[in-house]
Amino acid sequence: MIERVRGLAVILVVLATGVFIGSAVSQWKPLPEAQRPDVVGQNPVMRPLGRVRVEVLNAGGAESMARRATDLLRDSGFDVVYFGNADRFGDDSTVVVDRTGDLDAARAVADVLGARSVRAEPDSNLYLDVTVLLGREWTPRGREAPEGEGSGPWWDLRRLFR
């Protein structure tokens, strides 16, 4: 009787090991070309640019302006490394400043934000690619500007942690 139980235990261990190894091997196998996700098609902004580090500064003075722009840029695939207030308020128009000499990245950021002004001011002391100075008139493109803390879609949990 004990030998039968041992034999059954050995068979179960071998089967479990086979399932584990088979599962691991199946995950290493690359997907066929037809089943691969089209990552490039999902975010055309990031395809030629790679990682774009962005700093968003509120130069217009409206409350939570930099936060809304940060959310919009992050949803578009940009890496916003800092957001906050600018040194001074009162700017009317939004300006996107290129910091690395790559105007394509700055133009891509400007397109997402709906900004018309892009200028180059390379600064190798900054560890970022683009600085955004949001002017007073800026509002998120395609959305209404939030009026209060509770605004936004009901499923967006980020609004609870602001």
C-alpha atoms as a PDB file:
ATOM      1  CA  MET A   1       0.000   0.000   0.000  1.00  0.00           C
ATOM      2  CA  ILE A   2       2.789   2.443   0.891  1.00  0.00           C
ATOM      3  CA  GLU A   3       4.503   1.703  -2.426  1.00  0.00           C
ATOM      4  CA  ARG A   4       1.338   2.605  -4.332  1.00  0.00           C
ATOM      5  CA  VAL A   5       1.077   5.933  -2.476  1.00  0.00           C
ATOM      6  CA  ARG A   6       4.764   6.632  -3.206  1.00  0.00           C
ATOM      7  CA  GLY A   7       4.274   5.780  -6.853  1.00  0.00           C
ATOM      8  CA  LEU A   8       1.229   8.061  -7.052  1.00  0.00           C
ATOM      9  CA  ALA A   9       3.165  10.872  -5.318  1.00  0.00           C
ATOM     10  CA  VAL A  10       6.042  10.513  -7.794  1.00  0.00           C
ATOM     11  CA  ILE A  11       3.624  10.659 -10.739  1.00  0.00           C
ATOM     12  CA  LEU A  12       1.951  13.782  -9.302  1.00  0.00           C
ATOM     13  CA  VAL A  13       5.328  15.480  -8.735  1.00  0.00           C
ATOM     14  CA  VAL A  14       6.430  14.672 -12.303  1.00  0.00           C
ATOM     15  CA  LEU A  15       3.135  15.990 -13.721  1.00  0.00           C
ATOM     16  CA  ALA A  16       3.310  19.185 -11.636  1.00  0.00           C
ATOM     17  CA  THR A  17       6.921  19.743 -12.728  1.00  0.00           C
ATOM     18  CA  GLY A  18       5.930  19.230 -16.351  1.00  0.00           C
ATOM     19  CA  VAL A  19       3.083  21.734 -16.063  1.00  0.00           C
ATOM     20  CA  PHE A  20       5.399  24.275 -14.433  1.00  0.00           C
ATOM     21  CA  ILE A  21       8.124  23.860 -17.080  1.00  0.00           C
ATOM     22  CA  GLY A  22       5.569  23.930 -19.891  1.00  0.00           C
ATOM     23  CA  SER A  23       4.074  27.134 -18.536  1.00  0.00           C
ATOM     24  CA  ALA A  24       7.485  28.777 -18.293  1.00  0.00           C
ATOM     25  CA  VAL A  25       8.504  27.718 -21.810  1.00  0.00           C
ATOM     26  CA  SER A  26       5.227  28.897 -23.326  1.00  0.00           C
ATOM     27  CA  GLN A  27       5.823  32.396 -21.966  1.00  0.00           C
ATOM     28  CA  TRP A  28       9.293  32.596 -23.557  1.00  0.00           C
ATOM     29  CA  LYS A  29       7.980  31.805 -27.000  1.00  0.00           C
ATOM     30  CA  PRO A  30       7.540  35.025 -29.032  1.00  0.00           C
ATOM     31  CA  LEU A  31       4.143  35.760 -30.489  1.00  0.00           C
ATOM     32  CA  PRO A  32       3.658  35.194 -34.202  1.00  0.00           C
ATOM     33  CA  GLU A  33       3.927  38.364 -36.293  1.00  0.00           C
ATOM     34  CA  ALA A  34       0.160  38.525 -36.817  1.00  0.00           C
ATOM     35  CA  GLN A  35      -0.566  38.478 -33.054  1.00  0.00           C
ATOM     36  CA  ARG A  36       2.007  41.061 -31.910  1.00  0.00           C
ATOM     37  CA  PRO A  37       0.478  44.229 -30.498  1.00  0.00           C
ATOM     38  CA  ASP A  38       0.972  47.326 -32.620  1.00  0.00           C
ATOM     39  CA  VAL A  39       2.722  49.439 -29.968  1.00  0.00           C
ATOM     40  CA  VAL A  40       3.845  52.023 -32.511  1.00  0.00           C
ATOM     41  CA  GLY A  41       0.293  52.505 -33.730  1.00  0.00           C
ATOM     42  CA  GLN A  42      -0.992  53.101 -30.199  1.00  0.00           C
ATOM     43  CA  ASN A  43       1.174  56.154 -29.573  1.00  0.00           C
ATOM     44  CA  PRO A  44       2.412  57.863 -32.729  1.00  0.00           C
ATOM     45  CA  VAL A  45       3.973  60.682 -30.715  1.00  0.00           C
ATOM     46  CA  MET A  46       6.509  58.430 -29.007  1.00  0.00           C
ATOM     47  CA  ARG A  47       7.515  56.280 -31.999  1.00  0.00           C
ATOM     48  CA  PRO A  48      10.326  58.433 -33.373  1.00  0.00           C
ATOM     49  CA  LEU A  49      11.135  60.279 -30.152  1.00  0.00           C
ATOM     50  CA  GLY A  50      11.796  57.659 -27.514  1.00  0.00           C
ATOM     51  CA  ARG A  51      11.652  58.855 -23.919  1.00  0.00           C
ATOM     52  CA  VAL A  52      10.954  62.586 -23.627  1.00  0.00           C
ATOM     53  CA  ARG A  53      11.473  64.063 -20.139  1.00  0.00           C
ATOM     54  CA  VAL A  54       9.223  67.053 -19.557  1.00  0.00           C
ATOM     55  CA  GLU A  55       8.963  69.735 -16.879  1.00  0.00           C
ATOM     56  CA  VAL A  56       5.570  71.479 -16.610  1.00  0.00           C
ATOM     57  CA  LEU A  57       5.407  74.892 -14.935  1.00  0.00           C
ATOM     58  CA  ASN A  58       2.276  76.918 -14.178  1.00  0.00           C
ATOM     59  CA  ALA A  59       3.056  80.450 -15.386  1.00  0.00           C
ATOM     60  CA  GLY A  60      -0.583  81.486 -15.735  1.00  0.00           C
ATOM     61  CA  GLY A  61      -1.594  81.335 -12.096  1.00  0.00           C
ATOM     62  CA  ALA A  62      -4.739  79.196 -12.414  1.00  0.00           C
ATOM     63  CA  GLU A  63      -5.103  76.522  -9.756  1.00  0.00           C
ATOM     64  CA  SER A  64      -4.091  72.927 -10.698  1.00  0.00           C
ATOM     65  CA  MET A  65      -3.130  73.955 -14.236  1.00  0.00           C
ATOM     66  CA  ALA A  66       0.223  72.143 -14.134  1.00  0.00           C
ATOM     67  CA  ARG A  67      -1.430  68.991 -12.736  1.00  0.00           C
ATOM     68  CA  ARG A  68      -3.962  68.863 -15.578  1.00  0.00           C
ATOM     69  CA  ALA A  69      -1.245  69.357 -18.197  1.00  0.00           C
ATOM     70  CA  THR A  70       0.875  66.680 -16.515  1.00  0.00           C
ATOM     71  CA  ASP A  71      -2.012  64.203 -16.642  1.00  0.00           C
ATOM     72  CA  LEU A  72      -2.570  64.974 -20.324  1.00  0.00           C
ATOM     73  CA  LEU A  73       1.111  64.559 -21.216  1.00  0.00           C
ATOM     74  CA  ARG A  74       1.496  61.339 -19.218  1.00  0.00           C
ATOM     75  CA  ASP A  75      -1.608  59.910 -20.878  1.00  0.00           C
ATOM     76  CA  SER A  76       0.070  60.694 -24.213  1.00  0.00           C
ATOM     77  CA  GLY A  77       3.224  58.793 -23.245  1.00  0.00           C
ATOM     78  CA  PHE A  78       5.553  61.570 -22.116  1.00  0.00           C
ATOM     79  CA  ASP A  79       7.679  61.266 -18.975  1.00  0.00           C
ATOM     80  CA  VAL A  80       6.808  64.284 -16.835  1.00  0.00           C
ATOM     81  CA  VAL A  81       9.609  64.433 -14.269  1.00  0.00           C
ATOM     82  CA  TYR A  82       8.448  67.600 -12.496  1.00  0.00           C
ATOM     83  CA  PHE A  83       5.403  69.851 -12.338  1.00  0.00           C
ATOM     84  CA  GLY A  84       4.750  72.910 -10.243  1.00  0.00           C
ATOM     85  CA  ASN A  85       4.638  76.695 -10.289  1.00  0.00           C
ATOM     86  CA  ALA A  86       6.902  78.914 -12.356  1.00  0.00           C
ATOM     87  CA  ASP A  87       9.015  81.683 -10.794  1.00  0.00           C
ATOM     88  CA  ARG A  88       6.385  84.225 -11.757  1.00  0.00           C
ATOM     89  CA  PHE A  89       2.733  84.263 -12.820  1.00  0.00           C
ATOM     90  CA  GLY A  90       0.933  86.361 -15.383  1.00  0.00           C
ATOM     91  CA  ASP A  91       1.971  84.856 -18.728  1.00  0.00           C
ATOM     92  CA  ASP A  92      -0.906  84.906 -21.179  1.00  0.00           C
ATOM     93  CA  SER A  93       0.305  82.358 -23.731  1.00  0.00           C
ATOM     94  CA  THR A  94       1.809  78.903 -23.348  1.00  0.00           C
ATOM     95  CA  VAL A  95       5.440  78.435 -24.399  1.00  0.00           C
ATOM     96  CA  VAL A  96       7.198  75.101 -24.963  1.00  0.00           C
ATOM     97  CA  VAL A  97      10.979  75.351 -24.526  1.00  0.00           C
ATOM     98  CA  ASP A  98      13.390  72.818 -26.037  1.00  0.00           C
ATOM     99  CA  ARG A  99      16.300  72.108 -23.658  1.00  0.00           C
ATOM    100  CA  THR A 100      18.375  69.624 -25.704  1.00  0.00           C
ATOM    101  CA  GLY A 101      18.408  70.952 -29.260  1.00  0.00           C
ATOM    102  CA  ASP A 102      15.721  68.486 -30.400  1.00  0.00           C
ATOM    103  CA  LEU A 103      12.849  70.645 -31.602  1.00  0.00           C
ATOM    104  CA  ASP A 104      10.863  67.573 -32.689  1.00  0.00           C
ATOM    105  CA  ALA A 105      10.311  66.575 -29.058  1.00  0.00           C
ATOM    106  CA  ALA A 106       9.246  70.107 -28.124  1.00  0.00           C
ATOM    107  CA  ARG A 107       6.871  70.268 -31.096  1.00  0.00           C
ATOM    108  CA  ALA A 108       5.327  66.928 -30.119  1.00  0.00           C
ATOM    109  CA  VAL A 109       4.692  68.238 -26.591  1.00  0.00           C
ATOM    110  CA  ALA A 110       3.245  71.453 -28.033  1.00  0.00           C
ATOM    111  CA  ASP A 111       0.919  69.457 -30.296  1.00  0.00           C
ATOM    112  CA  VAL A 112      -0.471  67.493 -27.355  1.00  0.00           C
ATOM    113  CA  LEU A 113      -1.021  70.654 -25.305  1.00  0.00           C
ATOM    114  CA  GLY A 114      -2.302  72.757 -28.191  1.00  0.00           C
ATOM    115  CA  ALA A 115       0.484  75.329 -27.760  1.00  0.00           C
ATOM    116  CA  ARG A 116       1.604  77.454 -30.704  1.00  0.00           C
ATOM    117  CA  SER A 117       4.863  78.868 -29.366  1.00  0.00           C
ATOM    118  CA  VAL A 118       7.971  76.629 -29.418  1.00  0.00           C
ATOM    119  CA  ARG A 119      11.478  77.956 -28.852  1.00  0.00           C
ATOM    120  CA  ALA A 120      14.942  76.497 -28.318  1.00  0.00           C
ATOM    121  CA  GLU A 121      16.968  77.325 -25.212  1.00  0.00           C
ATOM    122  CA  PRO A 122      19.393  74.396 -24.761  1.00  0.00           C
ATOM    123  CA  ASP A 123      20.646  73.928 -21.208  1.00  0.00           C
ATOM    124  CA  SER A 124      22.908  70.946 -20.516  1.00  0.00           C
ATOM    125  CA  ASN A 125      22.642  71.505 -16.746  1.00  0.00           C
ATOM    126  CA  LEU A 126      19.018  70.380 -16.759  1.00  0.00           C
ATOM    127  CA  TYR A 127      18.206  66.669 -16.811  1.00  0.00           C
ATOM    128  CA  LEU A 128      15.166  67.081 -19.016  1.00  0.00           C
ATOM    129  CA  ASP A 129      14.300  67.555 -22.670  1.00  0.00           C
ATOM    130  CA  VAL A 130      11.414  70.037 -22.654  1.00  0.00           C
ATOM    131  CA  THR A 131      10.093  72.749 -20.340  1.00  0.00           C
ATOM    132  CA  VAL A 132       6.459  73.838 -20.632  1.00  0.00           C
ATOM    133  CA  LEU A 133       5.415  77.272 -19.340  1.00  0.00           C
ATOM    134  CA  LEU A 134       1.613  77.198 -19.225  1.00  0.00           C
ATOM    135  CA  GLY A 135      -0.044  80.524 -19.928  1.00  0.00           C
ATOM    136  CA  ARG A 136      -3.245  81.853 -18.407  1.00  0.00           C
ATOM    137  CA  GLU A 137      -5.416  80.897 -21.413  1.00  0.00           C
ATOM    138  CA  TRP A 138      -4.348  77.227 -21.545  1.00  0.00           C
ATOM    139  CA  THR A 139      -7.067  74.599 -21.110  1.00  0.00           C
ATOM    140  CA  PRO A 140      -6.809  70.881 -21.875  1.00  0.00           C
ATOM    141  CA  ARG A 141      -7.596  70.227 -25.518  1.00  0.00           C
ATOM    142  CA  GLY A 142     -10.707  68.157 -26.099  1.00  0.00           C
ATOM    143  CA  ARG A 143     -11.820  68.489 -22.484  1.00  0.00           C
ATOM    144  CA  GLU A 144     -13.551  71.023 -20.357  1.00  0.00           C
ATOM    145  CA  ALA A 145     -11.418  72.547 -17.649  1.00  0.00           C
ATOM    146  CA  PRO A 146     -12.270  70.983 -14.266  1.00  0.00           C
ATOM    147  CA  GLU A 147     -14.191  73.287 -11.966  1.00  0.00           C
ATOM    148  CA  GLY A 148     -13.584  71.500  -8.681  1.00  0.00           C
ATOM    149  CA  GLU A 149     -11.864  68.622  -6.990  1.00  0.00           C
ATOM    150  CA  GLY A 150     -14.670  66.176  -7.800  1.00  0.00           C
ATOM    151  CA  SER A 151     -14.653  66.802 -11.531  1.00  0.00           C
ATOM    152  CA  GLY A 152     -13.464  64.273 -14.082  1.00  0.00           C
ATOM    153  CA  PRO A 153     -14.599  60.777 -14.953  1.00  0.00           C
ATOM    154  CA  TRP A 154     -15.959  58.708 -12.090  1.00  0.00           C
ATOM    155  CA  TRP A 155     -13.469  55.908 -12.730  1.00  0.00           C
ATOM    156  CA  ASP A 156     -10.311  58.095 -12.597  1.00  0.00           C
ATOM    157  CA  LEU A 157      -8.944  57.398  -9.105  1.00  0.00           C
ATOM    158  CA  ARG A 158      -6.115  59.928  -9.482  1.00  0.00           C
ATOM    159  CA  ARG A 159      -8.558  62.707  -8.556  1.00  0.00           C
ATOM    160  CA  LEU A 160      -8.844  61.206  -5.049  1.00  0.00           C
ATOM    161  CA  PHE A 161      -5.091  61.588  -4.391  1.00  0.00           C
ATOM    162  CA  ARG A 162      -4.558  65.245  -5.345  1.00  0.00           C
END
